[in-house]
């Protein structure tokens, strides 16, 4: 606890990277607060030096694909915190001290940050992918004096994310999004995904959602009038490759993630089920073991998500055995699924898709259409369409083939006020404030929903294990293989964008 006369700054600066400042109680007078400085030594101990990473990655010493300049953490000046892992900073290096940058770092499980750094340093540049880091940032550890890489500095795009853009537009805080912008952003994200997937052997993107697409202003001169105008372009960021939220990930990934959680978390009471699931996971992903946030970084292609790496391995085998012909690329299929959901958000003007039970559920504290008196005033729920053009609706449907929502299976609970309640199964009291539902009812609905999800997951994994080498199947596998390729989706979007620009179709 901090006491009078305590040299807070000195103690704070002496803490190892990743330590915490805990405020036990809030008070109007800071002197009445209980504040604790809690050191954390694990992060610094798991840091790797530039030399060690270079030994693993073998990057050129300079030029494209090489190492950026290295800064010490003390050369960054804090400006504001945008996210747990994202800090706006200024760099004190004598060049442009007033320019704002983003410092990306993690205070746990640094392997994801190192994997992203490798991706950014090896991926060829593209206008719709965040540029390679301008600097790598190191910090001297408290023990041994080793300088470990604690993060990197990248371009700061102050216009924010697609998610924030649609939230602002819905509240009247920003202009309405035009149809041409919707086509352009969708096509640019597809461009970025095709580019990332062209980078062999590590290229794929598993965390697509409006939060991870930011906007950059670009000046354009009209060919006819020579007048200048500003267009906003979509830029993809966050290349950690750790996977995404359940609500955004394709079912072939989500179901395996469910089973990983069960195999790594069930106690002895369910030992038979746990061991059965673990055995099947081992057949699907040879060498599989339950993960841990304490795992140290290893130089592995494709990151550390078991289900996504399994799809990456499937792509590798497909290319080895294709004899020049394209087979079913489930890694491509999985990314098309997420792209379809993003296209739905863009053309419906929605920041959330509201169809899963994960972090997004806790962000969505609005009446759902099933319980609202005025549906027109409530946000849409995937895959409900209201304003998207007909051809976009068909494209979204084909991209998201296999989504449980097409079969009428939606999430079982929603947030109302500060409570979780059954979706579509409760109602307001006379004051329109309290949802008249018991905890037991909510628990029963949630249990039934999860039981069905786990059954679907086990059935899918068995289908995969029983499938022919071609990957064909009559269940979920068959639906997955009907999805278009990323390249085909990009082509469709380019065609529709051109038609919209020239006023063709609707």
Protein backbone atom coordinates (compact mmCIF):
# COMPACT_ATOMS: atom_id res chain seq x y z
CA UNK A 1 0.00 0.00 0.00
CA UNK A 2 1.25 3.51 -0.81
CA UNK A 3 2.02 5.58 2.29
CA UNK A 4 2.73 9.29 2.88
CA UNK A 5 6.27 10.21 1.83
CA UNK A 6 6.50 7.19 -0.44
CA UNK A 7 8.47 7.89 -3.63
CA UNK A 8 5.86 6.58 -6.03
CA UNK A 9 7.65 7.51 -9.24
CA UNK A 10 10.89 5.87 -8.20
CA UNK A 11 9.16 2.66 -7.16
CA UNK A 12 6.95 2.67 -10.26
CA UNK A 13 9.89 3.02 -12.64
CA UNK A 14 11.72 0.23 -10.86
CA UNK A 15 8.93 -2.28 -11.45
CA UNK A 16 9.48 -5.02 -14.04
CA UNK A 17 7.55 -4.75 -17.31
CA UNK A 18 4.03 -6.14 -16.99
CA UNK A 19 3.53 -5.19 -13.33
CA UNK A 20 0.19 -3.88 -12.07
CA UNK A 21 -1.10 -0.84 -10.23
CA UNK A 22 -4.15 -1.94 -8.24
CA UNK A 23 -6.61 0.54 -6.77
CA UNK A 24 -8.52 -1.29 -4.04
CA UNK A 25 -11.09 1.44 -3.45
CA UNK A 26 -12.17 4.59 -5.25
CA UNK A 27 -12.47 7.86 -3.34
CA UNK A 28 -12.77 11.57 -4.14
CA UNK A 29 -9.56 12.18 -2.22
CA UNK A 30 -6.61 10.22 -3.58
CA UNK A 31 -5.11 10.15 -0.08
CA UNK A 32 -8.02 7.94 1.01
CA UNK A 33 -7.45 5.33 -1.70
CA UNK A 34 -5.67 2.06 -1.14
CA UNK A 35 -3.19 1.73 -4.01
CA UNK A 36 -0.82 -1.19 -4.43
CA UNK A 37 2.15 -1.65 -6.75
CA UNK A 38 2.29 -5.35 -7.62
CA UNK A 39 5.45 -6.52 -9.41
CA UNK A 40 5.22 -9.24 -12.06
CA UNK A 41 8.49 -10.89 -13.04
CA UNK A 42 7.13 -13.48 -15.48
CA UNK A 43 6.82 -11.14 -18.47
CA UNK A 44 10.44 -9.97 -18.44
CA UNK A 45 11.66 -13.52 -17.90
CA UNK A 46 9.80 -14.65 -21.03
CA UNK A 47 11.15 -11.81 -23.22
CA UNK A 48 13.59 -12.66 -26.00
CA UNK A 49 16.37 -10.44 -27.26
CA UNK A 50 16.64 -9.11 -30.79
CA UNK A 51 19.64 -11.40 -31.34
CA UNK A 52 17.66 -14.46 -30.18
CA UNK A 53 14.72 -13.65 -32.46
CA UNK A 54 17.10 -12.99 -35.35
CA UNK A 55 18.68 -16.38 -34.72
CA UNK A 56 15.23 -17.94 -35.08
CA UNK A 57 13.92 -15.91 -38.01
CA UNK A 58 17.04 -15.27 -40.13
CA UNK A 59 15.77 -11.92 -41.43
CA UNK A 60 17.92 -9.68 -43.64
CA UNK A 61 19.92 -7.17 -41.65
CA UNK A 62 18.40 -4.23 -43.49
CA UNK A 63 15.94 -3.35 -46.22
CA UNK A 64 12.53 -4.95 -46.83
CA UNK A 65 12.03 -7.90 -44.50
CA UNK A 66 14.85 -6.80 -42.18
CA UNK A 67 14.96 -5.34 -38.71
CA UNK A 68 13.65 -1.83 -38.02
CA UNK A 69 15.59 0.49 -35.71
CA UNK A 70 15.58 -0.59 -32.06
CA UNK A 71 14.39 1.77 -29.31
CA UNK A 72 14.55 1.49 -25.54
CA UNK A 73 11.21 1.65 -23.74
CA UNK A 74 12.38 4.85 -22.03
CA UNK A 75 12.33 6.60 -25.44
CA UNK A 76 8.53 6.29 -25.65
CA UNK A 77 6.39 9.07 -24.21
CA UNK A 78 2.92 7.97 -23.09
CA UNK A 79 0.00 9.85 -24.57
CA UNK A 80 -3.13 7.75 -24.01
CA UNK A 81 -4.28 4.15 -23.71
CA UNK A 82 -6.64 2.91 -26.42
CA UNK A 83 -6.72 -0.76 -25.45
CA UNK A 84 -5.03 -3.15 -23.07
CA UNK A 85 -2.36 -3.81 -25.68
CA UNK A 86 -2.49 -0.52 -27.65
CA UNK A 87 -0.88 2.70 -26.41
CA UNK A 88 -0.59 5.98 -28.29
CA UNK A 89 2.95 7.29 -27.79
CA UNK A 90 5.48 9.80 -29.06
CA UNK A 91 8.99 8.67 -29.89
CA UNK A 92 11.98 10.58 -28.51
CA UNK A 93 14.61 9.96 -31.16
CA UNK A 94 15.24 13.45 -32.53
CA UNK A 95 13.44 12.91 -35.86
CA UNK A 96 9.79 13.75 -35.34
CA UNK A 97 9.19 13.89 -31.60
CA UNK A 98 5.65 15.30 -31.98
CA UNK A 99 4.31 12.57 -34.25
CA UNK A 100 1.98 10.06 -32.61
CA UNK A 101 2.50 6.33 -33.02
CA UNK A 102 0.98 3.13 -31.66
CA UNK A 103 3.01 1.01 -29.25
CA UNK A 104 1.78 -2.59 -29.44
CA UNK A 105 2.69 -4.88 -26.57
CA UNK A 106 1.29 -7.62 -24.36
CA UNK A 107 1.65 -8.10 -20.63
CA UNK A 108 0.98 -11.84 -20.74
CA UNK A 109 1.57 -14.62 -23.25
CA UNK A 110 4.19 -12.74 -25.29
CA UNK A 111 4.34 -15.50 -27.91
CA UNK A 112 1.41 -13.91 -29.76
CA UNK A 113 3.19 -10.56 -29.94
CA UNK A 114 6.36 -12.18 -31.24
CA UNK A 115 4.39 -14.10 -33.86
CA UNK A 116 2.74 -10.86 -35.02
CA UNK A 117 6.12 -9.12 -35.19
CA UNK A 118 7.43 -11.95 -37.37
CA UNK A 119 4.36 -11.68 -39.62
CA UNK A 120 4.75 -7.92 -40.03
CA UNK A 121 8.48 -8.13 -40.74
CA UNK A 122 8.17 -10.90 -43.34
CA UNK A 123 4.87 -10.05 -45.06
CA UNK A 124 5.26 -7.94 -48.24
CA UNK A 125 3.67 -4.51 -47.95
CA UNK A 126 0.09 -3.94 -49.08
CA UNK A 127 -2.01 -0.73 -48.97
CA UNK A 128 -4.77 -2.45 -47.00
CA UNK A 129 -2.54 -4.11 -44.38
CA UNK A 130 -0.92 -2.17 -41.54
CA UNK A 131 2.68 -1.32 -42.55
CA UNK A 132 5.67 -3.09 -41.01
CA UNK A 133 6.82 -1.69 -37.64
CA UNK A 134 8.80 1.53 -37.67
CA UNK A 135 10.64 0.49 -34.50
CA UNK A 136 11.18 -2.53 -32.29
CA UNK A 137 11.12 -1.70 -28.58
CA UNK A 138 13.27 -3.37 -25.92
CA UNK A 139 13.56 -3.09 -22.15
CA UNK A 140 16.46 -3.99 -19.91
CA UNK A 141 15.44 -6.72 -17.49
CA UNK A 142 15.97 -6.45 -13.73
CA UNK A 143 17.92 -9.69 -13.64
CA UNK A 144 20.92 -10.36 -15.83
CA UNK A 145 20.74 -7.04 -17.66
CA UNK A 146 19.38 -8.64 -20.85
CA UNK A 147 17.47 -6.35 -23.23
CA UNK A 148 14.28 -8.17 -24.21
CA UNK A 149 11.82 -7.19 -26.95
CA UNK A 150 8.70 -5.90 -25.21
CA UNK A 151 6.78 -4.56 -28.20
CA UNK A 152 6.93 -2.62 -31.44
CA UNK A 153 5.86 0.75 -32.82
CA UNK A 154 3.54 1.00 -35.83
CA UNK A 155 1.62 3.70 -37.70
CA UNK A 156 -1.22 5.33 -35.77
CA UNK A 157 -4.46 5.69 -37.75
CA UNK A 158 -6.57 8.14 -35.71
CA UNK A 159 -9.82 7.70 -37.67
CA UNK A 160 -10.51 4.53 -35.70
CA UNK A 161 -12.08 1.19 -36.56
CA UNK A 162 -15.02 0.14 -38.70
CA UNK A 163 -16.80 -0.80 -35.50
CA UNK A 164 -16.52 2.74 -34.14
CA UNK A 165 -17.46 4.21 -37.53
CA UNK A 166 -20.74 2.31 -37.61
CA UNK A 167 -21.49 3.10 -33.97
CA UNK A 168 -20.91 6.81 -34.62
CA UNK A 169 -23.06 6.74 -37.76
CA UNK A 170 -25.93 5.04 -35.91
CA UNK A 171 -25.82 7.74 -33.22
CA UNK A 172 -25.58 10.65 -35.68
CA UNK A 173 -22.01 11.46 -34.61
CA UNK A 174 -20.63 10.73 -38.10
CA UNK A 175 -22.01 10.98 -41.65
CA UNK A 176 -23.96 8.04 -43.02
CA UNK A 177 -21.83 5.43 -44.76
CA UNK A 178 -22.34 5.51 -48.52
CA UNK A 179 -22.96 2.46 -50.68
CA UNK A 180 -19.70 3.04 -52.54
CA UNK A 181 -17.82 3.11 -49.23
CA UNK A 182 -19.39 -0.20 -48.24
CA UNK A 183 -18.29 -1.81 -51.50
CA UNK A 184 -14.82 -0.28 -51.30
CA UNK A 185 -14.16 -1.37 -47.71
CA UNK A 186 -15.45 -4.89 -48.35
CA UNK A 187 -13.33 -5.28 -51.46
CA UNK A 188 -10.23 -3.82 -49.78
CA UNK A 189 -10.50 -6.27 -46.87
CA UNK A 190 -10.83 -9.10 -49.40
CA UNK A 191 -7.73 -7.73 -51.18
CA UNK A 192 -5.83 -7.78 -47.88
CA UNK A 193 -6.85 -11.36 -47.11
CA UNK A 194 -5.83 -12.61 -50.55
CA UNK A 195 -2.48 -10.85 -50.11
CA UNK A 196 -1.87 -12.34 -46.66
CA UNK A 197 -2.77 -15.82 -47.88
CA UNK A 198 -0.27 -15.52 -50.71
CA UNK A 199 2.55 -15.41 -48.15
CA UNK A 200 3.72 -19.01 -47.83
CA UNK A 201 3.90 -20.89 -45.53
CA UNK A 202 2.47 -18.67 -42.79
CA UNK A 203 -0.19 -16.62 -44.56
CA UNK A 204 -3.70 -16.61 -43.17
CA UNK A 205 -5.80 -14.28 -41.02
CA UNK A 206 -8.02 -15.78 -38.25
CA UNK A 207 -9.37 -12.74 -36.36
CA UNK A 208 -11.53 -10.76 -38.77
CA UNK A 209 -14.07 -8.40 -37.19
CA UNK A 210 -14.87 -4.64 -37.40
CA UNK A 211 -12.55 -3.92 -34.44
CA UNK A 212 -9.55 -5.07 -36.49
CA UNK A 213 -10.25 -2.97 -39.58
CA UNK A 214 -9.24 0.69 -39.26
CA UNK A 215 -9.69 3.62 -41.63
CA UNK A 216 -7.04 5.74 -43.37
CA UNK A 217 -7.76 8.97 -45.26
CA UNK A 218 -6.55 9.27 -48.85
CA UNK A 219 -6.73 12.31 -51.12
CA UNK A 220 -8.27 11.61 -54.54
CA UNK A 221 -8.47 13.96 -57.55
CA UNK A 222 -11.58 13.66 -59.71
CA UNK A 223 -10.67 12.91 -63.35
CA UNK A 224 -13.41 15.14 -64.79
CA UNK A 225 -13.53 18.14 -62.46
CA UNK A 226 -9.94 17.95 -61.12
CA UNK A 227 -11.44 18.62 -57.68
CA UNK A 228 -9.81 16.93 -54.71
CA UNK A 229 -11.76 14.86 -52.26
CA UNK A 230 -10.95 12.57 -49.36
CA UNK A 231 -11.73 8.86 -49.45
CA UNK A 232 -11.43 6.47 -46.52
CA UNK A 233 -9.65 3.17 -47.08
CA UNK A 234 -9.84 0.01 -44.98
CA UNK A 235 -6.63 -1.22 -43.34
CA UNK A 236 -6.34 -4.63 -41.67
CA UNK A 237 -4.36 -4.93 -38.45
CA UNK A 238 -3.71 -7.36 -35.56
CA UNK A 239 -1.79 -10.23 -37.14
CA UNK A 240 -1.21 -12.24 -33.95
CA UNK A 241 -2.89 -15.34 -35.45
CA UNK A 242 -4.27 -16.42 -32.07
CA UNK A 243 -7.79 -16.92 -33.42
CA UNK A 244 -10.96 -14.91 -32.92
CA UNK A 245 -14.13 -14.70 -30.90
CA UNK A 246 -16.60 -17.58 -31.06
CA UNK A 247 -19.24 -15.35 -32.68
CA UNK A 248 -16.93 -14.53 -35.59
CA UNK A 249 -15.03 -17.77 -36.09
CA UNK A 250 -16.35 -20.44 -38.46
CA UNK A 251 -18.01 -23.48 -36.86
CA UNK A 252 -15.20 -25.79 -38.00
CA UNK A 253 -12.86 -23.77 -35.78
CA UNK A 254 -15.25 -22.98 -32.94
CA UNK A 255 -16.24 -26.61 -32.44
CA UNK A 256 -12.63 -27.71 -32.10
CA UNK A 257 -12.00 -24.85 -29.65
CA UNK A 258 -14.95 -26.04 -27.55
CA UNK A 259 -13.47 -29.50 -27.39
CA UNK A 260 -10.01 -28.16 -26.52
CA UNK A 261 -11.54 -26.34 -23.55
CA UNK A 262 -13.29 -29.50 -22.37
CA UNK A 263 -10.25 -31.74 -22.84
CA UNK A 264 -8.08 -29.32 -20.90
CA UNK A 265 -10.59 -28.33 -18.22
CA UNK A 266 -12.81 -31.26 -17.24
CA UNK A 267 -12.04 -32.77 -13.84
CA UNK A 268 -11.83 -36.39 -12.75
CA UNK A 269 -15.61 -36.55 -12.43
CA UNK A 270 -15.75 -36.48 -16.25
CA UNK A 271 -12.47 -38.29 -16.89
CA UNK A 272 -13.94 -40.69 -19.46
CA UNK A 273 -15.41 -37.87 -21.57
CA UNK A 274 -12.26 -35.78 -21.18
CA UNK A 275 -10.01 -38.63 -22.29
CA UNK A 276 -12.27 -39.53 -25.22
CA UNK A 277 -12.23 -35.93 -26.50
CA UNK A 278 -8.47 -35.65 -25.97
CA UNK A 279 -7.91 -38.83 -27.96
CA UNK A 280 -9.96 -37.56 -30.92
CA UNK A 281 -8.24 -34.17 -30.79
CA UNK A 282 -4.92 -36.01 -30.94
CA UNK A 283 -6.08 -37.85 -34.06
CA UNK A 284 -7.17 -34.58 -35.71
CA UNK A 285 -4.14 -32.57 -34.52
CA UNK A 286 -1.22 -35.00 -33.95
CA UNK A 287 0.77 -34.06 -30.87
CA UNK A 288 -2.06 -31.99 -29.39
CA UNK A 289 -1.77 -31.09 -25.70
CA UNK A 290 -3.81 -28.63 -23.57
CA UNK A 291 -2.48 -25.10 -23.98
CA UNK A 292 -1.20 -22.74 -21.32
CA UNK A 293 -0.68 -18.98 -21.11
CA UNK A 294 2.75 -19.72 -19.66
CA UNK A 295 4.00 -21.32 -22.87
CA UNK A 296 7.17 -19.63 -24.10
CA UNK A 297 7.57 -18.45 -27.68
CA UNK A 298 8.65 -20.96 -30.29
CA UNK A 299 9.27 -20.20 -33.94
CA UNK A 300 6.27 -22.04 -35.38
CA UNK A 301 4.65 -21.24 -38.72
CA UNK A 302 1.03 -20.18 -38.32
CA UNK A 303 1.02 -19.15 -34.67
CA UNK A 304 -0.38 -21.10 -31.73
CA UNK A 305 -4.06 -21.80 -32.37
CA UNK A 306 -4.51 -25.55 -32.69
CA UNK A 307 -7.64 -25.50 -34.88
CA UNK A 308 -6.22 -22.91 -37.28
CA UNK A 309 -2.86 -24.68 -37.50
CA UNK A 310 -4.73 -27.88 -38.33
CA UNK A 311 -6.34 -26.08 -41.28
CA UNK A 312 -2.92 -24.72 -42.27
CA UNK A 313 -1.52 -28.26 -42.23
CA UNK A 314 -4.49 -29.37 -44.33
CA UNK A 315 -3.63 -26.71 -46.89
CA UNK A 316 -0.01 -27.88 -46.98
CA UNK A 317 -1.04 -31.50 -47.58
CA UNK A 318 -3.60 -30.46 -50.20
CA UNK A 319 -0.96 -28.59 -52.18
CA UNK A 320 1.49 -31.47 -51.92
CA UNK A 321 -1.07 -33.96 -53.24
CA UNK A 322 -3.00 -31.82 -55.71
CA UNK A 323 -0.89 -32.58 -58.81
CA UNK A 324 -1.45 -29.01 -59.93
CA UNK A 325 -5.21 -29.09 -59.36
CA UNK A 326 -6.92 -27.11 -56.64
CA UNK A 327 -8.52 -29.15 -53.89
CA UNK A 328 -10.78 -28.08 -51.05
CA UNK A 329 -8.80 -25.53 -49.02
CA UNK A 330 -10.54 -25.45 -45.64
CA UNK A 331 -8.18 -22.70 -44.45
CA UNK A 332 -9.43 -20.51 -47.30
CA UNK A 333 -13.02 -21.59 -46.56
CA UNK A 334 -12.70 -20.60 -42.90
CA UNK A 335 -11.51 -17.08 -43.71
CA UNK A 336 -14.27 -16.67 -46.30
CA UNK A 337 -16.76 -17.39 -43.50
CA UNK A 338 -15.44 -14.48 -41.41
CA UNK A 339 -15.31 -12.24 -44.47
CA UNK A 340 -18.98 -13.02 -45.12
CA UNK A 341 -19.91 -11.91 -41.61
CA UNK A 342 -17.86 -8.74 -41.99
CA UNK A 343 -19.58 -7.97 -45.32
CA UNK A 344 -22.92 -8.44 -43.53
CA UNK A 345 -21.87 -5.89 -40.88
CA UNK A 346 -20.66 -3.41 -43.49
CA UNK A 347 -23.78 -3.54 -45.65
CA UNK A 348 -26.21 -3.65 -42.72
CA UNK A 349 -24.31 -0.86 -40.93
CA UNK A 350 -23.87 -2.93 -37.77
CA UNK A 351 -20.92 -2.94 -35.38
CA UNK A 352 -21.84 -6.34 -33.87
CA UNK A 353 -23.33 -9.54 -35.27
CA UNK A 354 -25.08 -10.69 -32.06
CA UNK A 355 -25.02 -14.42 -32.72
CA UNK A 356 -22.59 -16.00 -30.27
CA UNK A 357 -21.82 -16.35 -26.58
CA UNK A 358 -18.49 -14.66 -26.00
CA UNK A 359 -17.06 -11.18 -25.31
CA UNK A 360 -19.37 -9.63 -27.88
CA UNK A 361 -22.41 -10.74 -25.92
CA UNK A 362 -21.33 -8.61 -22.95
CA UNK A 363 -20.93 -5.57 -25.22
CA UNK A 364 -24.45 -5.84 -26.58
CA UNK A 365 -26.80 -4.34 -24.01
CA UNK A 366 -29.70 -3.43 -26.28
CA UNK A 367 -33.17 -4.95 -26.79
CA UNK A 368 -33.14 -7.73 -29.35
CA UNK A 369 -35.69 -7.87 -32.13
CA UNK A 370 -37.48 -10.85 -30.63
CA UNK A 371 -38.48 -8.85 -27.55
CA UNK A 372 -38.72 -5.30 -28.84
CA UNK A 373 -41.97 -3.47 -29.44
CA UNK A 374 -40.36 -1.52 -32.29
CA UNK A 375 -38.14 -3.81 -34.34
CA UNK A 376 -37.19 -0.94 -36.66
CA UNK A 377 -35.36 0.80 -33.82
CA UNK A 378 -33.32 -2.20 -32.79
CA UNK A 379 -30.06 -3.45 -34.32
CA UNK A 380 -30.12 -6.32 -36.76
CA UNK A 381 -28.99 -9.82 -35.76
CA UNK A 382 -26.98 -11.95 -38.17
CA UNK A 383 -28.19 -13.26 -40.63
CA UNK A 384 -31.17 -10.87 -40.72
CA UNK A 385 -31.13 -8.54 -43.74
CA UNK A 386 -32.71 -5.09 -43.88
CA UNK A 387 -30.83 -2.82 -46.28
CA UNK A 388 -28.15 -4.93 -48.02
CA UNK A 389 -28.54 -5.25 -51.83
CA UNK A 390 -29.85 -8.57 -53.13
CA UNK A 391 -26.52 -9.72 -54.62
CA UNK A 392 -24.72 -8.96 -51.36
CA UNK A 393 -27.28 -11.03 -49.47
CA UNK A 394 -26.60 -13.99 -51.72
CA UNK A 395 -22.84 -13.49 -51.36
CA UNK A 396 -23.07 -13.40 -47.55
CA UNK A 397 -25.21 -16.54 -47.55
CA UNK A 398 -22.72 -18.45 -49.70
CA UNK A 399 -19.70 -17.24 -47.69
CA UNK A 400 -21.26 -18.27 -44.36
CA UNK A 401 -22.54 -21.68 -45.43
CA UNK A 402 -22.57 -23.92 -42.38
CA UNK A 403 -23.37 -21.13 -39.92
CA UNK A 404 -25.82 -22.49 -37.31
CA UNK A 405 -27.96 -19.34 -37.66
CA UNK A 406 -29.10 -20.47 -41.12
CA UNK A 407 -30.67 -23.45 -39.35
CA UNK A 408 -32.37 -21.23 -36.78
CA UNK A 409 -29.87 -21.98 -34.00
CA UNK A 410 -29.14 -18.69 -32.25
CA UNK A 411 -27.48 -17.88 -28.95
CA UNK A 412 -29.52 -18.88 -25.93
CA UNK A 413 -29.00 -15.88 -23.64
CA UNK A 414 -28.69 -12.10 -23.98
CA UNK A 415 -27.67 -9.27 -21.65
CA UNK A 416 -30.38 -7.01 -20.29
CA UNK A 417 -29.27 -4.29 -17.91
CA UNK A 418 -26.85 -6.13 -15.67
CA UNK A 419 -28.42 -9.55 -16.11
CA UNK A 420 -28.14 -12.54 -18.42
CA UNK A 421 -31.63 -13.64 -19.50
CA UNK A 422 -33.02 -16.11 -22.06
CA UNK A 423 -33.10 -14.70 -25.58
CA UNK A 424 -36.67 -14.21 -26.70
CA UNK A 425 -38.10 -15.91 -23.64
CA UNK A 426 -38.55 -13.10 -21.12
CA UNK A 427 -40.47 -9.84 -20.88
CA UNK A 428 -40.34 -6.47 -19.14
CA UNK A 429 -42.29 -5.58 -16.01
CA UNK A 430 -44.80 -2.73 -15.88
CA UNK A 431 -41.99 -0.15 -15.63
CA UNK A 432 -40.11 -1.62 -18.60
CA UNK A 433 -36.99 -2.08 -16.50
CA UNK A 434 -36.78 -5.54 -14.95
CA UNK A 435 -36.83 -8.74 -16.94
CA UNK A 436 -39.17 -11.15 -15.21
CA UNK A 437 -37.10 -14.31 -15.30
CA UNK A 438 -35.48 -16.44 -12.63
CA UNK A 439 -31.84 -17.49 -12.43
CA UNK A 440 -32.92 -21.10 -12.78
CA UNK A 441 -34.65 -20.36 -16.10
CA UNK A 442 -31.58 -18.62 -17.47
CA UNK A 443 -29.30 -21.44 -16.32
CA UNK A 444 -31.56 -24.04 -17.91
CA UNK A 445 -31.61 -22.22 -21.26
CA UNK A 446 -27.83 -21.69 -21.23
CA UNK A 447 -27.19 -25.33 -20.29
CA UNK A 448 -29.43 -26.58 -23.09
CA UNK A 449 -27.72 -24.27 -25.61
CA UNK A 450 -24.23 -25.38 -24.58
CA UNK A 451 -25.19 -29.05 -24.53
CA UNK A 452 -26.39 -28.74 -28.12
CA UNK A 453 -23.20 -26.89 -29.11
CA UNK A 454 -20.99 -29.59 -27.62
CA UNK A 455 -22.99 -32.30 -29.37
CA UNK A 456 -22.56 -30.45 -32.66
CA UNK A 457 -18.83 -30.13 -31.97
CA UNK A 458 -18.36 -33.84 -31.25
CA UNK A 459 -20.35 -34.77 -34.35
CA UNK A 460 -18.22 -32.47 -36.53
CA UNK A 461 -14.92 -33.81 -35.22
CA UNK A 462 -16.09 -37.37 -35.87
CA UNK A 463 -17.17 -36.37 -39.38
CA UNK A 464 -13.71 -34.96 -40.05
CA UNK A 465 -12.00 -38.10 -38.76
CA UNK A 466 -14.27 -40.31 -40.86
CA UNK A 467 -14.00 -38.21 -44.03
CA UNK A 468 -12.13 -39.25 -47.15
CA UNK A 469 -8.77 -37.57 -47.82
CA UNK A 470 -10.54 -35.13 -50.15
CA UNK A 471 -12.28 -33.63 -47.12
CA UNK A 472 -15.75 -34.14 -48.57
CA UNK A 473 -18.68 -34.79 -46.27
CA UNK A 474 -22.45 -34.79 -46.04
CA UNK A 475 -22.73 -32.77 -42.83
CA UNK A 476 -20.94 -29.55 -41.96
CA UNK A 477 -17.97 -30.54 -44.14
CA UNK A 478 -20.18 -30.62 -47.20
CA UNK A 479 -21.50 -27.11 -46.46
CA UNK A 480 -18.00 -25.76 -45.84
CA UNK A 481 -16.86 -26.91 -49.26
CA UNK A 482 -19.66 -24.99 -51.00
CA UNK A 483 -18.21 -21.64 -49.89
CA UNK A 484 -16.53 -19.56 -52.58
CA UNK A 485 -12.79 -18.91 -52.48
CA UNK A 486 -11.30 -15.66 -51.21
CA UNK A 487 -10.26 -14.85 -54.76
CA UNK A 488 -13.81 -15.43 -56.03
CA UNK A 489 -15.31 -13.22 -53.32
CA UNK A 490 -12.84 -10.47 -54.18
CA UNK A 491 -13.82 -10.79 -57.85
CA UNK A 492 -17.54 -10.58 -57.03
CA UNK A 493 -17.00 -7.51 -54.85
CA UNK A 494 -14.90 -5.82 -57.54
CA UNK A 495 -17.64 -6.43 -60.10
CA UNK A 496 -20.42 -5.20 -57.80
CA UNK A 497 -18.35 -2.17 -56.80
CA UNK A 498 -17.89 -1.24 -60.46
CA UNK A 499 -21.62 -1.66 -61.12
CA UNK A 500 -22.49 0.51 -58.12
CA UNK A 501 -20.04 3.20 -59.27
CA UNK A 502 -21.72 3.33 -62.68
CA UNK A 503 -25.26 3.01 -61.35
CA UNK A 504 -25.81 -0.50 -62.72
CA UNK A 505 -27.97 -3.02 -60.89
CA UNK A 506 -29.28 -2.71 -57.34
